[in-house]
Amino acid sequence: MIRVLLVDDQELVRTGLRGILRTQFGFDVVCECADGVQATRELRGRPGSPPVLALTTFDDDEVLAGILRAGASGFILKGVTAEDLQRAVRVVAEGGAWLDPAVTGRVLTIYRAAAPPAPDSAR
């Protein structure tokens, strides 16, 4: 059984997501709160804490960077299908990572810009 902490700043959205996650996919929603980045920081700061998948409307680099720095293992936009959400939850719950395809290219660009230059293999 996959246990889920559901975080969204809108109660109506949480209610809808709770229904999908419980009824359609059989996940156990064990807790809910309204602030995702803060909840992620607090949760990831505890030993043995579960992985976090951020689900958001905001396709914004600052939001993405903030949630990933807070310790999330995945990031997915709310425009996904229910099946993609289910797949992302399962991947992250099993210890994997998930990035919404809409942001993957930007994450790689930022990573490459920040990465130290590769050692010269011709030396």
N, C-alpha and C. Protein backbone atom coordinates (compact mmCIF):
# COMPACT_ATOMS: atom_id res chain seq x y z
N MET A 1 0.86 -1.19 0.00
CA MET A 1 0.00 0.00 0.00
C MET A 1 0.89 1.24 0.00
N ILE A 2 0.66 2.12 -0.94
CA ILE A 2 1.41 3.37 -1.01
C ILE A 2 0.68 4.41 -0.18
N ARG A 3 1.41 4.99 0.78
CA ARG A 3 0.85 6.03 1.64
C ARG A 3 1.24 7.39 1.09
N VAL A 4 0.28 8.34 1.10
CA VAL A 4 0.49 9.63 0.47
C VAL A 4 0.17 10.76 1.45
N LEU A 5 1.07 11.75 1.49
CA LEU A 5 0.80 13.03 2.14
C LEU A 5 0.41 13.96 1.01
N LEU A 6 -0.78 14.48 1.05
CA LEU A 6 -1.31 15.31 -0.02
C LEU A 6 -1.20 16.78 0.37
N VAL A 7 -0.55 17.57 -0.49
CA VAL A 7 -0.35 18.98 -0.21
C VAL A 7 -0.83 19.81 -1.40
N ASP A 8 -1.71 20.74 -1.13
CA ASP A 8 -2.14 21.71 -2.13
C ASP A 8 -2.71 22.90 -1.38
N ASP A 9 -2.49 24.10 -1.91
CA ASP A 9 -2.98 25.27 -1.20
C ASP A 9 -4.48 25.48 -1.38
N GLN A 10 -5.12 24.71 -2.25
CA GLN A 10 -6.56 24.85 -2.46
C GLN A 10 -7.27 23.60 -1.96
N GLU A 11 -8.18 23.79 -1.02
CA GLU A 11 -8.89 22.66 -0.43
C GLU A 11 -9.68 21.87 -1.47
N LEU A 12 -10.32 22.56 -2.41
CA LEU A 12 -11.10 21.89 -3.44
C LEU A 12 -10.22 20.95 -4.28
N VAL A 13 -9.03 21.39 -4.60
CA VAL A 13 -8.11 20.57 -5.37
C VAL A 13 -7.68 19.35 -4.55
N ARG A 14 -7.38 19.57 -3.27
CA ARG A 14 -7.01 18.45 -2.40
C ARG A 14 -8.13 17.41 -2.35
N THR A 15 -9.36 17.88 -2.26
CA THR A 15 -10.50 16.96 -2.21
C THR A 15 -10.57 16.11 -3.48
N GLY A 16 -10.41 16.75 -4.63
CA GLY A 16 -10.44 16.02 -5.89
C GLY A 16 -9.29 15.03 -6.02
N LEU A 17 -8.10 15.48 -5.67
CA LEU A 17 -6.94 14.60 -5.73
C LEU A 17 -7.07 13.43 -4.77
N ARG A 18 -7.57 13.70 -3.57
CA ARG A 18 -7.78 12.64 -2.58
C ARG A 18 -8.68 11.56 -3.17
N GLY A 19 -9.78 11.99 -3.82
CA GLY A 19 -10.71 11.03 -4.42
C GLY A 19 -10.05 10.19 -5.50
N ILE A 20 -9.29 10.83 -6.37
CA ILE A 20 -8.60 10.10 -7.43
C ILE A 20 -7.58 9.13 -6.85
N LEU A 21 -6.76 9.62 -5.92
CA LEU A 21 -5.69 8.79 -5.37
C LEU A 21 -6.24 7.60 -4.59
N ARG A 22 -7.29 7.82 -3.82
CA ARG A 22 -7.87 6.72 -3.02
C ARG A 22 -8.72 5.78 -3.87
N THR A 23 -9.71 6.35 -4.53
CA THR A 23 -10.71 5.54 -5.22
C THR A 23 -10.18 4.90 -6.49
N GLN A 24 -9.54 5.70 -7.32
CA GLN A 24 -9.11 5.20 -8.62
C GLN A 24 -7.84 4.38 -8.54
N PHE A 25 -6.92 4.75 -7.63
CA PHE A 25 -5.62 4.08 -7.62
C PHE A 25 -5.32 3.30 -6.34
N GLY A 26 -6.16 3.41 -5.32
CA GLY A 26 -5.97 2.63 -4.11
C GLY A 26 -4.87 3.10 -3.19
N PHE A 27 -4.41 4.35 -3.33
CA PHE A 27 -3.39 4.88 -2.43
C PHE A 27 -4.03 5.26 -1.11
N ASP A 28 -3.26 5.25 -0.05
CA ASP A 28 -3.73 5.63 1.27
C ASP A 28 -3.29 7.07 1.56
N VAL A 29 -4.22 8.03 1.50
CA VAL A 29 -3.90 9.43 1.81
C VAL A 29 -3.93 9.57 3.33
N VAL A 30 -2.75 9.73 3.93
CA VAL A 30 -2.64 9.70 5.39
C VAL A 30 -2.65 11.07 6.03
N CYS A 31 -2.37 12.11 5.25
CA CYS A 31 -2.32 13.46 5.81
C CYS A 31 -2.45 14.47 4.68
N GLU A 32 -2.91 15.66 5.04
CA GLU A 32 -3.03 16.75 4.06
C GLU A 32 -2.56 18.05 4.68
N CYS A 33 -1.97 18.92 3.87
CA CYS A 33 -1.62 20.27 4.31
C CYS A 33 -1.59 21.20 3.10
N ALA A 34 -1.35 22.49 3.34
CA ALA A 34 -1.52 23.50 2.30
C ALA A 34 -0.22 24.06 1.72
N ASP A 35 0.92 23.92 2.35
CA ASP A 35 2.16 24.52 1.86
C ASP A 35 3.16 23.44 1.48
N GLY A 36 3.36 23.22 0.17
CA GLY A 36 4.20 22.13 -0.30
C GLY A 36 5.66 22.25 -0.03
N VAL A 37 6.26 23.41 -0.25
CA VAL A 37 7.70 23.55 -0.04
C VAL A 37 8.04 23.40 1.44
N GLN A 38 7.28 24.06 2.30
CA GLN A 38 7.53 23.95 3.74
C GLN A 38 7.32 22.53 4.23
N ALA A 39 6.25 21.88 3.78
CA ALA A 39 5.98 20.49 4.18
C ALA A 39 7.12 19.58 3.72
N THR A 40 7.62 19.81 2.52
CA THR A 40 8.72 19.00 1.99
C THR A 40 9.97 19.19 2.83
N ARG A 41 10.31 20.43 3.15
CA ARG A 41 11.49 20.69 3.99
C ARG A 41 11.39 19.98 5.33
N GLU A 42 10.23 20.11 5.97
CA GLU A 42 10.05 19.50 7.29
C GLU A 42 10.07 17.98 7.20
N LEU A 43 9.39 17.45 6.21
CA LEU A 43 9.33 16.00 6.05
C LEU A 43 10.69 15.43 5.72
N ARG A 44 11.40 16.02 4.77
CA ARG A 44 12.70 15.49 4.35
C ARG A 44 13.76 15.68 5.43
N GLY A 45 13.52 16.55 6.38
CA GLY A 45 14.45 16.75 7.47
C GLY A 45 14.38 15.68 8.54
N ARG A 46 13.42 14.79 8.43
CA ARG A 46 13.25 13.71 9.42
C ARG A 46 13.90 12.43 8.92
N PRO A 47 14.54 11.69 9.81
CA PRO A 47 15.15 10.42 9.41
C PRO A 47 14.08 9.45 8.89
N GLY A 48 14.41 8.77 7.81
CA GLY A 48 13.50 7.77 7.27
C GLY A 48 12.26 8.34 6.61
N SER A 49 12.29 9.61 6.25
CA SER A 49 11.11 10.24 5.65
C SER A 49 10.85 9.68 4.26
N PRO A 50 9.60 9.68 3.84
CA PRO A 50 9.25 9.16 2.51
C PRO A 50 9.63 10.15 1.42
N PRO A 51 9.70 9.69 0.19
CA PRO A 51 9.99 10.59 -0.92
C PRO A 51 8.82 11.53 -1.19
N VAL A 52 9.10 12.62 -1.87
CA VAL A 52 8.08 13.64 -2.16
C VAL A 52 7.98 13.84 -3.66
N LEU A 53 6.75 13.87 -4.15
CA LEU A 53 6.45 14.22 -5.53
C LEU A 53 5.65 15.51 -5.49
N ALA A 54 6.16 16.56 -6.10
CA ALA A 54 5.46 17.84 -6.14
C ALA A 54 4.54 17.89 -7.35
N LEU A 55 3.29 18.21 -7.12
CA LEU A 55 2.29 18.38 -8.17
C LEU A 55 1.85 19.83 -8.12
N THR A 56 2.06 20.56 -9.21
CA THR A 56 1.78 21.99 -9.18
C THR A 56 1.24 22.50 -10.50
N THR A 57 0.60 23.64 -10.42
CA THR A 57 0.11 24.35 -11.60
C THR A 57 1.23 25.21 -12.19
N PHE A 58 2.19 25.57 -11.36
CA PHE A 58 3.19 26.57 -11.73
C PHE A 58 4.37 25.98 -12.49
N ASP A 59 4.43 26.26 -13.79
CA ASP A 59 5.53 25.84 -14.63
C ASP A 59 6.56 26.96 -14.61
N ASP A 60 7.23 27.06 -13.49
CA ASP A 60 8.11 28.19 -13.22
C ASP A 60 9.42 27.66 -12.65
N ASP A 61 10.54 28.19 -13.14
CA ASP A 61 11.85 27.71 -12.70
C ASP A 61 12.07 27.91 -11.20
N GLU A 62 11.59 29.02 -10.64
CA GLU A 62 11.79 29.26 -9.21
C GLU A 62 11.03 28.26 -8.36
N VAL A 63 9.80 27.94 -8.76
CA VAL A 63 9.00 26.94 -8.03
C VAL A 63 9.68 25.59 -8.14
N LEU A 64 10.09 25.23 -9.36
CA LEU A 64 10.77 23.96 -9.59
C LEU A 64 12.04 23.85 -8.75
N ALA A 65 12.87 24.87 -8.81
CA ALA A 65 14.12 24.85 -8.04
C ALA A 65 13.85 24.80 -6.55
N GLY A 66 12.86 25.56 -6.08
CA GLY A 66 12.55 25.58 -4.65
C GLY A 66 12.12 24.23 -4.13
N ILE A 67 11.24 23.55 -4.86
CA ILE A 67 10.74 22.25 -4.38
C ILE A 67 11.82 21.18 -4.49
N LEU A 68 12.65 21.24 -5.53
CA LEU A 68 13.73 20.26 -5.64
C LEU A 68 14.79 20.49 -4.57
N ARG A 69 15.11 21.76 -4.29
CA ARG A 69 16.07 22.05 -3.22
C ARG A 69 15.53 21.65 -1.84
N ALA A 70 14.22 21.70 -1.70
CA ALA A 70 13.60 21.31 -0.43
C ALA A 70 13.66 19.80 -0.23
N GLY A 71 13.95 19.05 -1.30
CA GLY A 71 14.12 17.62 -1.16
C GLY A 71 13.16 16.74 -1.93
N ALA A 72 12.34 17.32 -2.79
CA ALA A 72 11.40 16.51 -3.55
C ALA A 72 12.14 15.58 -4.51
N SER A 73 11.59 14.41 -4.70
CA SER A 73 12.15 13.43 -5.64
C SER A 73 11.53 13.53 -7.01
N GLY A 74 10.49 14.35 -7.11
CA GLY A 74 9.83 14.48 -8.39
C GLY A 74 9.02 15.75 -8.49
N PHE A 75 8.70 16.12 -9.73
CA PHE A 75 7.96 17.34 -10.01
C PHE A 75 7.07 17.04 -11.20
N ILE A 76 5.77 17.31 -11.05
CA ILE A 76 4.82 17.04 -12.13
C ILE A 76 3.79 18.16 -12.17
N LEU A 77 3.39 18.53 -13.36
CA LEU A 77 2.43 19.62 -13.54
C LEU A 77 1.00 19.08 -13.51
N LYS A 78 0.07 19.91 -13.05
CA LYS A 78 -1.32 19.48 -12.88
C LYS A 78 -2.04 19.19 -14.19
N GLY A 79 -1.47 19.52 -15.31
CA GLY A 79 -2.10 19.24 -16.58
C GLY A 79 -1.96 17.80 -17.04
N VAL A 80 -1.34 16.95 -16.26
CA VAL A 80 -1.12 15.55 -16.64
C VAL A 80 -2.41 14.75 -16.54
N THR A 81 -2.39 13.59 -17.17
CA THR A 81 -3.51 12.68 -17.05
C THR A 81 -3.46 11.98 -15.70
N ALA A 82 -4.57 11.43 -15.29
CA ALA A 82 -4.61 10.68 -14.02
C ALA A 82 -3.65 9.49 -14.07
N GLU A 83 -3.53 8.88 -15.23
CA GLU A 83 -2.62 7.73 -15.37
C GLU A 83 -1.16 8.15 -15.20
N ASP A 84 -0.80 9.31 -15.75
CA ASP A 84 0.57 9.81 -15.57
C ASP A 84 0.84 10.16 -14.11
N LEU A 85 -0.16 10.71 -13.43
CA LEU A 85 -0.02 11.01 -12.01
C LEU A 85 0.20 9.71 -11.23
N GLN A 86 -0.60 8.70 -11.53
CA GLN A 86 -0.43 7.41 -10.86
C GLN A 86 0.97 6.86 -11.09
N ARG A 87 1.43 6.90 -12.32
CA ARG A 87 2.76 6.40 -12.66
C ARG A 87 3.84 7.16 -11.90
N ALA A 88 3.72 8.49 -11.84
CA ALA A 88 4.70 9.31 -11.13
C ALA A 88 4.72 8.99 -9.64
N VAL A 89 3.54 8.85 -9.03
CA VAL A 89 3.47 8.52 -7.60
C VAL A 89 4.15 7.18 -7.35
N ARG A 90 3.85 6.20 -8.18
CA ARG A 90 4.45 4.87 -7.98
C ARG A 90 5.98 4.89 -8.15
N VAL A 91 6.46 5.59 -9.16
CA VAL A 91 7.90 5.66 -9.39
C VAL A 91 8.60 6.30 -8.19
N VAL A 92 8.08 7.42 -7.73
CA VAL A 92 8.70 8.12 -6.60
C VAL A 92 8.57 7.29 -5.32
N ALA A 93 7.42 6.67 -5.11
CA ALA A 93 7.22 5.84 -3.91
C ALA A 93 8.18 4.66 -3.87
N GLU A 94 8.58 4.18 -5.05
CA GLU A 94 9.51 3.04 -5.13
C GLU A 94 10.97 3.48 -5.10
N GLY A 95 11.21 4.77 -4.85
CA GLY A 95 12.57 5.27 -4.72
C GLY A 95 13.15 5.91 -5.96
N GLY A 96 12.36 6.01 -7.01
CA GLY A 96 12.83 6.63 -8.24
C GLY A 96 12.63 8.13 -8.23
N ALA A 97 12.89 8.74 -9.36
CA ALA A 97 12.72 10.18 -9.52
C ALA A 97 11.81 10.42 -10.73
N TRP A 98 11.11 11.54 -10.72
CA TRP A 98 10.20 11.86 -11.82
C TRP A 98 10.25 13.35 -12.10
N LEU A 99 10.46 13.69 -13.36
CA LEU A 99 10.35 15.08 -13.80
C LEU A 99 9.35 15.13 -14.93
N ASP A 100 8.43 16.06 -14.83
CA ASP A 100 7.46 16.26 -15.89
C ASP A 100 8.23 16.54 -17.18
N PRO A 101 7.85 15.90 -18.28
CA PRO A 101 8.55 16.14 -19.54
C PRO A 101 8.62 17.62 -19.93
N ALA A 102 7.65 18.41 -19.50
CA ALA A 102 7.64 19.84 -19.84
C ALA A 102 8.79 20.60 -19.18
N VAL A 103 9.38 20.07 -18.12
CA VAL A 103 10.46 20.79 -17.42
C VAL A 103 11.82 20.11 -17.54
N THR A 104 11.85 18.90 -18.05
CA THR A 104 13.10 18.14 -18.10
C THR A 104 14.20 18.88 -18.85
N GLY A 105 13.89 19.42 -20.00
CA GLY A 105 14.89 20.15 -20.79
C GLY A 105 15.47 21.33 -20.04
N ARG A 106 14.61 22.07 -19.34
CA ARG A 106 15.08 23.23 -18.56
C ARG A 106 15.96 22.79 -17.41
N VAL A 107 15.60 21.70 -16.75
CA VAL A 107 16.42 21.20 -15.63
C VAL A 107 17.80 20.81 -16.14
N LEU A 108 17.85 20.13 -17.26
CA LEU A 108 19.15 19.74 -17.83
C LEU A 108 19.98 20.95 -18.22
N THR A 109 19.36 21.97 -18.79
CA THR A 109 20.07 23.19 -19.17
C THR A 109 20.67 23.87 -17.94
N ILE A 110 19.87 23.98 -16.89
CA ILE A 110 20.35 24.60 -15.65
C ILE A 110 21.48 23.78 -15.04
N TYR A 111 21.32 22.46 -15.03
CA TYR A 111 22.35 21.59 -14.47
C TYR A 111 23.65 21.72 -15.25
N ARG A 112 23.53 21.69 -16.55
CA ARG A 112 24.75 21.79 -17.38
C ARG A 112 25.44 23.13 -17.20
N ALA A 113 24.69 24.20 -17.04
CA ALA A 113 25.27 25.52 -16.84
C ALA A 113 25.99 25.61 -15.49
N ALA A 114 25.49 24.89 -14.49
CA ALA A 114 26.06 24.95 -13.15
C ALA A 114 27.15 23.91 -12.92
N ALA A 115 27.20 22.89 -13.75
CA ALA A 115 28.17 21.80 -13.57
C ALA A 115 29.58 22.29 -13.88
N PRO A 116 30.56 21.80 -13.14
CA PRO A 116 31.95 22.15 -13.46
C PRO A 116 32.32 21.55 -14.81
N PRO A 117 33.27 22.17 -15.51
CA PRO A 117 33.67 21.63 -16.82
C PRO A 117 34.18 20.21 -16.68
N ALA A 118 33.90 19.40 -17.69
CA ALA A 118 34.38 18.01 -17.68
C ALA A 118 35.89 18.01 -17.83
N PRO A 119 36.56 17.06 -17.15
CA PRO A 119 38.02 16.98 -17.30
C PRO A 119 38.39 16.67 -18.74
N ASP A 120 39.49 17.22 -19.19
CA ASP A 120 39.95 16.99 -20.55
C ASP A 120 40.53 15.59 -20.63
N SER A 121 39.89 14.74 -21.40
CA SER A 121 40.32 13.33 -21.49
C SER A 121 41.53 13.16 -22.40
N ALA A 122 41.92 14.20 -23.14
CA ALA A 122 43.06 14.10 -24.06
C ALA A 122 44.39 14.29 -23.37
N ARG A 123 44.40 14.62 -22.10
CA ARG A 123 45.67 14.88 -21.40
C ARG A 123 46.45 13.65 -21.17
